[in-house]
């Protein structure tokens, strides 16, 4: 295969990155904003409308000593871990990259997580989304989490 043919094939198969201010991007961001609202409300029951039934979460926690651990959670376990409390949670996704190809989408970007307005960890969020019956749902969330190098 010639280089030109290979590049053409890749261009056809690559999801289209969309302008974060576009209506398409806004629709994809609805469930992500819903997840962040559920975190802020500290209410796990608010997660369900935004998640596909088969949704899974994977977190790679980077410890200050350089070691890391990867945890996988089903959506139900993730929701159960979100309990009411006096602290105020806030997650901020900055400069998201949004790509859409038909009924699948991907959102990736750096984030900071604040507790009572103070940054406690940061990393990158990656959301996999699917559109069923015209509604975007999160099929998976993968993120890394570290306590060093965070700015907020």
N, C-alpha and C. Protein backbone atom coordinates (compact mmCIF):
# COMPACT_ATOMS: atom_id res chain seq x y z
N UNK A 1 0.85 -1.17 0.00
CA UNK A 1 0.00 0.00 0.00
C UNK A 1 0.90 1.23 0.00
N UNK A 2 0.58 2.17 -0.85
CA UNK A 2 1.38 3.39 -0.91
C UNK A 2 1.09 4.26 0.30
N UNK A 3 2.00 5.15 0.60
CA UNK A 3 1.84 6.06 1.74
C UNK A 3 0.59 6.91 1.57
N UNK A 4 0.32 7.38 0.37
CA UNK A 4 -0.87 8.19 0.11
C UNK A 4 -2.14 7.40 0.38
N UNK A 5 -2.18 6.13 -0.04
CA UNK A 5 -3.35 5.29 0.20
C UNK A 5 -3.53 5.03 1.69
N UNK A 6 -2.43 4.81 2.39
CA UNK A 6 -2.50 4.58 3.83
C UNK A 6 -3.04 5.82 4.54
N UNK A 7 -2.54 6.98 4.19
CA UNK A 7 -3.02 8.23 4.81
C UNK A 7 -4.49 8.46 4.51
N UNK A 8 -4.91 8.16 3.29
CA UNK A 8 -6.32 8.32 2.93
C UNK A 8 -7.19 7.37 3.74
N UNK A 9 -6.75 6.13 3.92
CA UNK A 9 -7.50 5.15 4.71
C UNK A 9 -7.61 5.59 6.16
N UNK A 10 -6.53 6.11 6.71
CA UNK A 10 -6.57 6.59 8.10
C UNK A 10 -7.49 7.78 8.25
N UNK A 11 -7.48 8.67 7.27
CA UNK A 11 -8.34 9.85 7.33
C UNK A 11 -9.81 9.45 7.33
N UNK A 12 -10.18 8.45 6.57
CA UNK A 12 -11.56 7.99 6.51
C UNK A 12 -11.98 7.34 7.82
N UNK A 13 -11.06 6.66 8.50
CA UNK A 13 -11.40 5.90 9.68
C UNK A 13 -11.21 6.68 10.98
N UNK A 14 -10.65 7.87 10.92
CA UNK A 14 -10.39 8.65 12.12
C UNK A 14 -11.63 9.42 12.53
N UNK A 15 -12.03 9.33 13.80
CA UNK A 15 -13.19 10.09 14.24
C UNK A 15 -12.92 11.59 14.07
N UNK A 16 -13.97 12.32 13.86
CA UNK A 16 -13.86 13.75 13.64
C UNK A 16 -13.81 14.49 14.95
N UNK A 17 -12.74 15.25 15.14
CA UNK A 17 -12.66 16.10 16.32
C UNK A 17 -13.58 17.29 16.07
N UNK A 18 -14.40 17.59 17.06
CA UNK A 18 -15.37 18.67 16.89
C UNK A 18 -15.03 19.85 17.78
N UNK A 19 -15.50 20.99 17.39
CA UNK A 19 -15.32 22.22 18.16
C UNK A 19 -16.09 22.07 19.47
N UNK A 20 -15.40 22.24 20.63
CA UNK A 20 -16.10 22.10 21.91
C UNK A 20 -17.30 23.03 22.08
N UNK A 21 -17.37 24.11 21.29
CA UNK A 21 -18.49 25.03 21.39
C UNK A 21 -19.65 24.67 20.46
N UNK A 22 -19.51 23.60 19.67
CA UNK A 22 -20.55 23.22 18.72
C UNK A 22 -21.72 22.53 19.40
N UNK A 23 -22.89 22.53 18.74
CA UNK A 23 -24.04 21.81 19.30
C UNK A 23 -23.78 20.31 19.46
N UNK A 24 -23.02 19.70 18.54
CA UNK A 24 -22.68 18.27 18.67
C UNK A 24 -21.90 18.02 19.94
N UNK A 25 -20.90 18.86 20.19
CA UNK A 25 -20.08 18.71 21.39
C UNK A 25 -20.92 18.95 22.64
N UNK A 26 -21.79 19.93 22.59
CA UNK A 26 -22.66 20.22 23.75
C UNK A 26 -23.51 19.00 24.09
N UNK A 27 -24.02 18.30 23.06
CA UNK A 27 -24.83 17.11 23.31
C UNK A 27 -24.01 16.00 23.94
N UNK A 28 -22.77 15.82 23.48
CA UNK A 28 -21.89 14.79 24.05
C UNK A 28 -21.52 15.13 25.49
N UNK A 29 -21.40 16.42 25.79
CA UNK A 29 -21.00 16.84 27.14
C UNK A 29 -22.13 16.75 28.16
N UNK A 30 -23.37 16.61 27.73
CA UNK A 30 -24.50 16.55 28.67
C UNK A 30 -24.30 15.47 29.74
N UNK A 31 -24.02 14.21 29.38
CA UNK A 31 -23.84 13.21 30.44
C UNK A 31 -22.59 13.45 31.29
N UNK A 32 -21.55 14.02 30.71
CA UNK A 32 -20.34 14.31 31.48
C UNK A 32 -20.63 15.40 32.49
N UNK A 33 -21.32 16.45 32.05
CA UNK A 33 -21.72 17.50 32.99
C UNK A 33 -22.64 16.94 34.07
N UNK A 34 -23.48 15.97 33.69
CA UNK A 34 -24.35 15.32 34.67
C UNK A 34 -23.57 14.54 35.73
N UNK A 35 -22.49 13.89 35.30
CA UNK A 35 -21.63 13.17 36.24
C UNK A 35 -20.99 14.16 37.21
N UNK A 36 -20.49 15.28 36.68
CA UNK A 36 -19.87 16.28 37.54
C UNK A 36 -20.90 16.90 38.50
N UNK A 37 -22.13 17.07 38.04
CA UNK A 37 -23.19 17.59 38.93
C UNK A 37 -23.50 16.58 40.04
N UNK A 38 -23.51 15.29 39.71
CA UNK A 38 -23.74 14.25 40.73
C UNK A 38 -22.62 14.26 41.76
N UNK A 39 -21.37 14.44 41.30
CA UNK A 39 -20.25 14.54 42.24
C UNK A 39 -20.43 15.74 43.15
N UNK A 40 -20.80 16.88 42.57
CA UNK A 40 -20.98 18.10 43.37
C UNK A 40 -22.11 17.94 44.38
N UNK A 41 -23.16 17.22 43.98
CA UNK A 41 -24.29 16.98 44.88
C UNK A 41 -24.02 15.85 45.86
N UNK A 42 -22.93 15.09 45.58
CA UNK A 42 -22.58 13.92 46.39
C UNK A 42 -23.75 12.96 46.48
N UNK A 43 -24.34 12.70 45.30
CA UNK A 43 -25.53 11.86 45.22
C UNK A 43 -25.35 10.83 44.11
N UNK A 44 -25.05 9.61 44.48
CA UNK A 44 -24.83 8.53 43.52
C UNK A 44 -26.04 8.21 42.67
N UNK A 45 -27.24 8.48 43.17
CA UNK A 45 -28.44 8.19 42.39
C UNK A 45 -28.54 9.09 41.15
N UNK A 46 -27.85 10.20 41.16
CA UNK A 46 -27.89 11.11 40.02
C UNK A 46 -26.99 10.66 38.87
N UNK A 47 -26.18 9.61 39.09
CA UNK A 47 -25.29 9.11 38.05
C UNK A 47 -26.03 8.28 37.01
N UNK A 48 -26.99 7.48 37.44
CA UNK A 48 -27.63 6.48 36.58
C UNK A 48 -28.16 7.02 35.25
N UNK A 49 -28.82 8.17 35.22
CA UNK A 49 -29.35 8.64 33.93
C UNK A 49 -28.27 8.93 32.88
N UNK A 50 -27.04 9.05 33.31
CA UNK A 50 -25.96 9.43 32.40
C UNK A 50 -25.07 8.26 31.98
N UNK A 51 -25.30 7.11 32.58
CA UNK A 51 -24.45 5.94 32.33
C UNK A 51 -25.18 4.86 31.56
N UNK A 52 -24.48 4.26 30.60
CA UNK A 52 -25.01 3.07 29.94
C UNK A 52 -25.03 1.94 30.97
N UNK A 53 -25.96 1.00 30.86
CA UNK A 53 -26.04 -0.09 31.86
C UNK A 53 -24.74 -0.86 32.03
N UNK A 54 -23.96 -0.98 30.97
CA UNK A 54 -22.72 -1.75 31.03
C UNK A 54 -21.50 -0.89 31.38
N UNK A 55 -21.71 0.33 31.81
CA UNK A 55 -20.60 1.26 32.08
C UNK A 55 -19.64 0.72 33.13
N UNK A 56 -18.36 1.00 32.89
CA UNK A 56 -17.29 0.62 33.83
C UNK A 56 -16.37 1.80 34.02
N UNK A 57 -15.73 1.85 35.16
CA UNK A 57 -14.78 2.90 35.48
C UNK A 57 -13.44 2.26 35.80
N UNK A 58 -12.39 2.87 35.31
CA UNK A 58 -11.04 2.42 35.61
C UNK A 58 -10.24 3.63 36.05
N UNK A 59 -9.58 3.50 37.19
CA UNK A 59 -8.75 4.58 37.70
C UNK A 59 -7.34 4.06 37.94
N UNK A 60 -6.38 4.84 37.50
CA UNK A 60 -4.96 4.55 37.74
C UNK A 60 -4.47 5.59 38.75
N UNK A 61 -4.32 5.17 39.99
CA UNK A 61 -3.91 6.07 41.06
C UNK A 61 -2.39 6.07 41.13
N UNK A 62 -1.81 7.23 40.92
CA UNK A 62 -0.36 7.40 41.01
C UNK A 62 -0.03 7.94 42.39
N UNK A 63 0.69 7.16 43.17
CA UNK A 63 1.04 7.56 44.54
C UNK A 63 2.26 8.47 44.54
N UNK A 64 2.40 9.30 45.57
CA UNK A 64 3.55 10.21 45.63
C UNK A 64 4.90 9.49 45.61
N UNK A 65 4.93 8.22 46.05
CA UNK A 65 6.21 7.48 46.06
C UNK A 65 6.55 6.88 44.70
N UNK A 66 5.70 7.13 43.69
CA UNK A 66 5.98 6.64 42.35
C UNK A 66 5.29 5.33 42.00
N UNK A 67 4.73 4.65 42.99
CA UNK A 67 4.01 3.41 42.69
C UNK A 67 2.59 3.77 42.22
N UNK A 68 1.95 2.81 41.62
CA UNK A 68 0.57 3.07 41.19
C UNK A 68 -0.26 1.81 41.35
N UNK A 69 -1.55 2.02 41.37
CA UNK A 69 -2.49 0.92 41.45
C UNK A 69 -3.64 1.23 40.49
N UNK A 70 -4.12 0.19 39.80
CA UNK A 70 -5.24 0.35 38.89
C UNK A 70 -6.44 -0.37 39.47
N UNK A 71 -7.55 0.34 39.55
CA UNK A 71 -8.79 -0.21 40.09
C UNK A 71 -9.87 -0.15 39.02
N UNK A 72 -10.71 -1.18 38.96
CA UNK A 72 -11.84 -1.21 38.06
C UNK A 72 -13.11 -1.27 38.88
N UNK A 73 -14.07 -0.43 38.50
CA UNK A 73 -15.34 -0.36 39.23
C UNK A 73 -16.50 -0.50 38.27
N UNK A 74 -17.52 -1.24 38.67
CA UNK A 74 -18.79 -1.24 37.94
C UNK A 74 -19.51 0.06 38.30
N UNK A 75 -20.42 0.47 37.46
CA UNK A 75 -21.15 1.71 37.69
C UNK A 75 -21.83 1.73 39.06
N UNK A 76 -22.38 0.59 39.45
CA UNK A 76 -23.09 0.54 40.74
C UNK A 76 -22.14 0.81 41.91
N UNK A 77 -20.96 0.23 41.86
CA UNK A 77 -19.99 0.43 42.93
C UNK A 77 -19.52 1.88 42.96
N UNK A 78 -19.33 2.46 41.80
CA UNK A 78 -18.94 3.87 41.71
C UNK A 78 -20.01 4.75 42.36
N UNK A 79 -21.29 4.48 42.03
CA UNK A 79 -22.40 5.25 42.59
C UNK A 79 -22.50 5.07 44.10
N UNK A 80 -22.31 3.84 44.57
CA UNK A 80 -22.38 3.57 46.01
C UNK A 80 -21.29 4.30 46.78
N UNK A 81 -20.16 4.53 46.14
CA UNK A 81 -19.05 5.23 46.79
C UNK A 81 -19.26 6.72 46.93
N UNK A 82 -20.26 7.24 46.25
CA UNK A 82 -20.55 8.68 46.32
C UNK A 82 -21.59 8.92 47.40
N UNK A 83 -21.13 9.28 48.58
CA UNK A 83 -21.98 9.43 49.75
C UNK A 83 -22.09 10.90 50.16
N UNK A 84 -23.23 11.27 50.76
CA UNK A 84 -23.37 12.63 51.28
C UNK A 84 -22.30 12.93 52.33
N UNK A 85 -21.96 14.18 52.43
CA UNK A 85 -20.99 14.61 53.43
C UNK A 85 -20.87 16.12 53.43
N UNK A 86 -20.19 16.66 54.41
CA UNK A 86 -20.12 18.12 54.53
C UNK A 86 -19.17 18.79 53.52
N UNK A 87 -18.20 18.03 53.00
CA UNK A 87 -17.24 18.64 52.08
C UNK A 87 -17.89 18.90 50.72
N UNK A 88 -17.39 19.93 50.04
CA UNK A 88 -17.89 20.29 48.72
C UNK A 88 -16.93 19.73 47.67
N UNK A 89 -17.46 18.86 46.77
CA UNK A 89 -16.68 18.28 45.68
C UNK A 89 -16.86 19.12 44.42
N UNK A 90 -15.79 19.25 43.65
CA UNK A 90 -15.88 19.92 42.36
C UNK A 90 -14.81 19.34 41.44
N UNK A 91 -15.24 18.85 40.29
CA UNK A 91 -14.29 18.38 39.28
C UNK A 91 -14.40 19.29 38.07
N UNK A 92 -13.25 19.73 37.59
CA UNK A 92 -13.20 20.66 36.47
C UNK A 92 -12.39 20.03 35.35
N UNK A 93 -13.02 19.82 34.21
CA UNK A 93 -12.38 19.29 33.01
C UNK A 93 -11.97 20.49 32.15
N UNK A 94 -10.68 20.61 31.87
CA UNK A 94 -10.21 21.75 31.10
C UNK A 94 -9.78 21.32 29.71
N UNK A 95 -10.05 22.16 28.75
CA UNK A 95 -9.63 21.94 27.36
C UNK A 95 -9.94 20.55 26.84
N UNK A 96 -11.20 20.11 26.90
CA UNK A 96 -11.51 18.76 26.43
C UNK A 96 -11.33 18.62 24.92
N UNK A 97 -10.87 17.46 24.53
CA UNK A 97 -10.83 17.08 23.12
C UNK A 97 -12.04 16.18 22.92
N UNK A 98 -12.87 16.52 21.95
CA UNK A 98 -14.10 15.78 21.70
C UNK A 98 -14.06 15.25 20.27
N UNK A 99 -14.23 13.94 20.14
CA UNK A 99 -14.26 13.32 18.81
C UNK A 99 -15.53 12.49 18.70
N UNK A 100 -16.20 12.60 17.56
CA UNK A 100 -17.46 11.90 17.33
C UNK A 100 -17.37 11.18 15.99
N UNK A 101 -17.85 9.94 15.97
CA UNK A 101 -17.96 9.18 14.74
C UNK A 101 -19.25 8.39 14.82
N UNK A 102 -20.30 8.90 14.19
CA UNK A 102 -21.60 8.23 14.24
C UNK A 102 -22.14 8.20 15.66
N UNK A 103 -22.38 6.99 16.16
CA UNK A 103 -22.97 6.83 17.49
C UNK A 103 -21.95 6.55 18.58
N UNK A 104 -20.68 6.84 18.32
CA UNK A 104 -19.67 6.75 19.37
C UNK A 104 -18.95 8.08 19.47
N UNK A 105 -18.49 8.37 20.67
CA UNK A 105 -17.75 9.61 20.91
C UNK A 105 -16.73 9.37 22.00
N UNK A 106 -15.75 10.26 22.03
CA UNK A 106 -14.69 10.22 23.03
C UNK A 106 -14.43 11.64 23.49
N UNK A 107 -14.28 11.79 24.79
CA UNK A 107 -13.90 13.08 25.37
C UNK A 107 -12.69 12.82 26.26
N UNK A 108 -11.64 13.59 26.05
CA UNK A 108 -10.42 13.44 26.83
C UNK A 108 -9.91 14.82 27.21
N UNK A 109 -9.41 14.93 28.43
CA UNK A 109 -8.81 16.19 28.84
C UNK A 109 -8.30 16.15 30.27
N UNK A 110 -7.45 17.11 30.58
CA UNK A 110 -6.96 17.22 31.95
C UNK A 110 -8.07 17.71 32.89
N UNK A 111 -7.96 17.31 34.15
CA UNK A 111 -8.94 17.75 35.14
C UNK A 111 -8.23 18.09 36.45
N UNK A 112 -8.93 18.84 37.27
CA UNK A 112 -8.54 19.02 38.67
C UNK A 112 -9.76 18.68 39.51
N UNK A 113 -9.51 18.08 40.68
CA UNK A 113 -10.57 17.75 41.61
C UNK A 113 -10.34 18.57 42.87
N UNK A 114 -11.39 19.31 43.26
CA UNK A 114 -11.29 20.19 44.42
C UNK A 114 -12.19 19.70 45.54
N UNK A 115 -11.70 19.87 46.74
CA UNK A 115 -12.44 19.57 47.96
C UNK A 115 -12.51 20.87 48.74
N UNK A 116 -13.71 21.39 48.91
CA UNK A 116 -13.91 22.69 49.57
C UNK A 116 -13.05 23.78 48.92
N UNK A 117 -12.96 23.74 47.58
CA UNK A 117 -12.24 24.76 46.83
C UNK A 117 -10.74 24.56 46.72
N UNK A 118 -10.19 23.55 47.38
CA UNK A 118 -8.75 23.28 47.37
C UNK A 118 -8.47 22.08 46.48
N UNK A 119 -7.51 22.22 45.57
CA UNK A 119 -7.16 21.11 44.68
C UNK A 119 -6.55 19.99 45.52
N UNK A 120 -7.13 18.78 45.41
CA UNK A 120 -6.60 17.63 46.14
C UNK A 120 -5.99 16.57 45.22
N UNK A 121 -6.42 16.55 43.97
CA UNK A 121 -5.76 15.70 42.99
C UNK A 121 -6.10 16.18 41.58
N UNK A 122 -5.38 15.61 40.62
CA UNK A 122 -5.58 15.99 39.23
C UNK A 122 -5.21 14.80 38.35
N UNK A 123 -5.34 15.00 37.06
CA UNK A 123 -4.97 13.95 36.11
C UNK A 123 -5.64 14.21 34.78
N UNK A 124 -5.95 13.12 34.10
CA UNK A 124 -6.66 13.18 32.82
C UNK A 124 -7.88 12.28 32.89
N UNK A 125 -8.98 12.78 32.34
CA UNK A 125 -10.22 12.01 32.22
C UNK A 125 -10.36 11.55 30.78
N UNK A 126 -10.87 10.35 30.59
CA UNK A 126 -11.21 9.84 29.27
C UNK A 126 -12.59 9.21 29.36
N UNK A 127 -13.52 9.75 28.60
CA UNK A 127 -14.90 9.26 28.58
C UNK A 127 -15.18 8.61 27.24
N UNK A 128 -15.71 7.38 27.26
CA UNK A 128 -16.22 6.72 26.06
C UNK A 128 -17.73 6.84 26.12
N UNK A 129 -18.33 7.29 25.03
CA UNK A 129 -19.78 7.49 25.00
C UNK A 129 -20.40 6.75 23.82
N UNK A 130 -21.66 6.36 24.01
CA UNK A 130 -22.45 5.77 22.95
C UNK A 130 -23.78 6.51 22.87
N UNK A 131 -24.32 6.56 21.67
CA UNK A 131 -25.63 7.20 21.49
C UNK A 131 -26.64 6.12 21.15
N UNK A 132 -27.64 6.01 22.01
CA UNK A 132 -28.75 5.06 21.80
C UNK A 132 -30.04 5.86 21.75
N UNK A 133 -30.83 5.61 20.73
CA UNK A 133 -32.12 6.31 20.58
C UNK A 133 -31.94 7.82 20.69
N UNK A 134 -30.84 8.32 20.15
CA UNK A 134 -30.60 9.76 20.12
C UNK A 134 -30.06 10.36 21.40
N UNK A 135 -29.76 9.54 22.41
CA UNK A 135 -29.30 10.03 23.70
C UNK A 135 -27.89 9.53 23.98
N UNK A 136 -26.99 10.44 24.31
CA UNK A 136 -25.62 10.07 24.66
C UNK A 136 -25.55 9.56 26.08
N UNK A 137 -24.85 8.43 26.26
CA UNK A 137 -24.62 7.83 27.58
C UNK A 137 -23.14 7.50 27.69
N UNK A 138 -22.64 7.52 28.89
CA UNK A 138 -21.24 7.17 29.14
C UNK A 138 -21.13 5.66 29.25
N UNK A 139 -20.28 5.08 28.41
CA UNK A 139 -20.03 3.64 28.44
C UNK A 139 -18.84 3.31 29.32
N UNK A 140 -17.96 4.27 29.50
CA UNK A 140 -16.79 4.04 30.33
C UNK A 140 -16.09 5.34 30.67
N UNK A 141 -15.51 5.34 31.86
CA UNK A 141 -14.69 6.47 32.29
C UNK A 141 -13.36 5.89 32.75
N UNK A 142 -12.29 6.40 32.20
CA UNK A 142 -10.95 6.02 32.64
C UNK A 142 -10.24 7.31 33.03
N UNK A 143 -9.59 7.28 34.18
CA UNK A 143 -8.86 8.47 34.58
C UNK A 143 -7.64 8.07 35.38
N UNK A 144 -6.67 8.96 35.39
CA UNK A 144 -5.55 8.78 36.31
C UNK A 144 -5.67 9.86 37.37
N UNK A 145 -5.05 9.59 38.49
CA UNK A 145 -5.21 10.46 39.65
C UNK A 145 -3.88 10.60 40.35
N UNK A 146 -3.44 11.83 40.50
CA UNK A 146 -2.18 12.08 41.21
C UNK A 146 -2.34 13.30 42.09
N UNK A 147 -1.48 13.42 43.07
CA UNK A 147 -1.53 14.55 44.00
C UNK A 147 -0.38 15.52 43.79
N UNK A 148 0.49 15.23 42.85
CA UNK A 148 1.62 16.11 42.56
C UNK A 148 1.45 16.74 41.18
N UNK A 149 1.98 17.93 41.02
CA UNK A 149 1.92 18.61 39.73
C UNK A 149 0.56 19.16 39.38
N UNK A 150 -0.28 19.33 40.36
CA UNK A 150 -1.64 19.83 40.11
C UNK A 150 -1.67 21.35 40.25
N UNK A 151 -2.37 21.96 39.32
CA UNK A 151 -2.60 23.41 39.38
C UNK A 151 -4.09 23.63 39.29
N UNK A 152 -4.60 24.60 39.94
CA UNK A 152 -6.04 24.75 39.87
C UNK A 152 -6.50 26.11 40.08
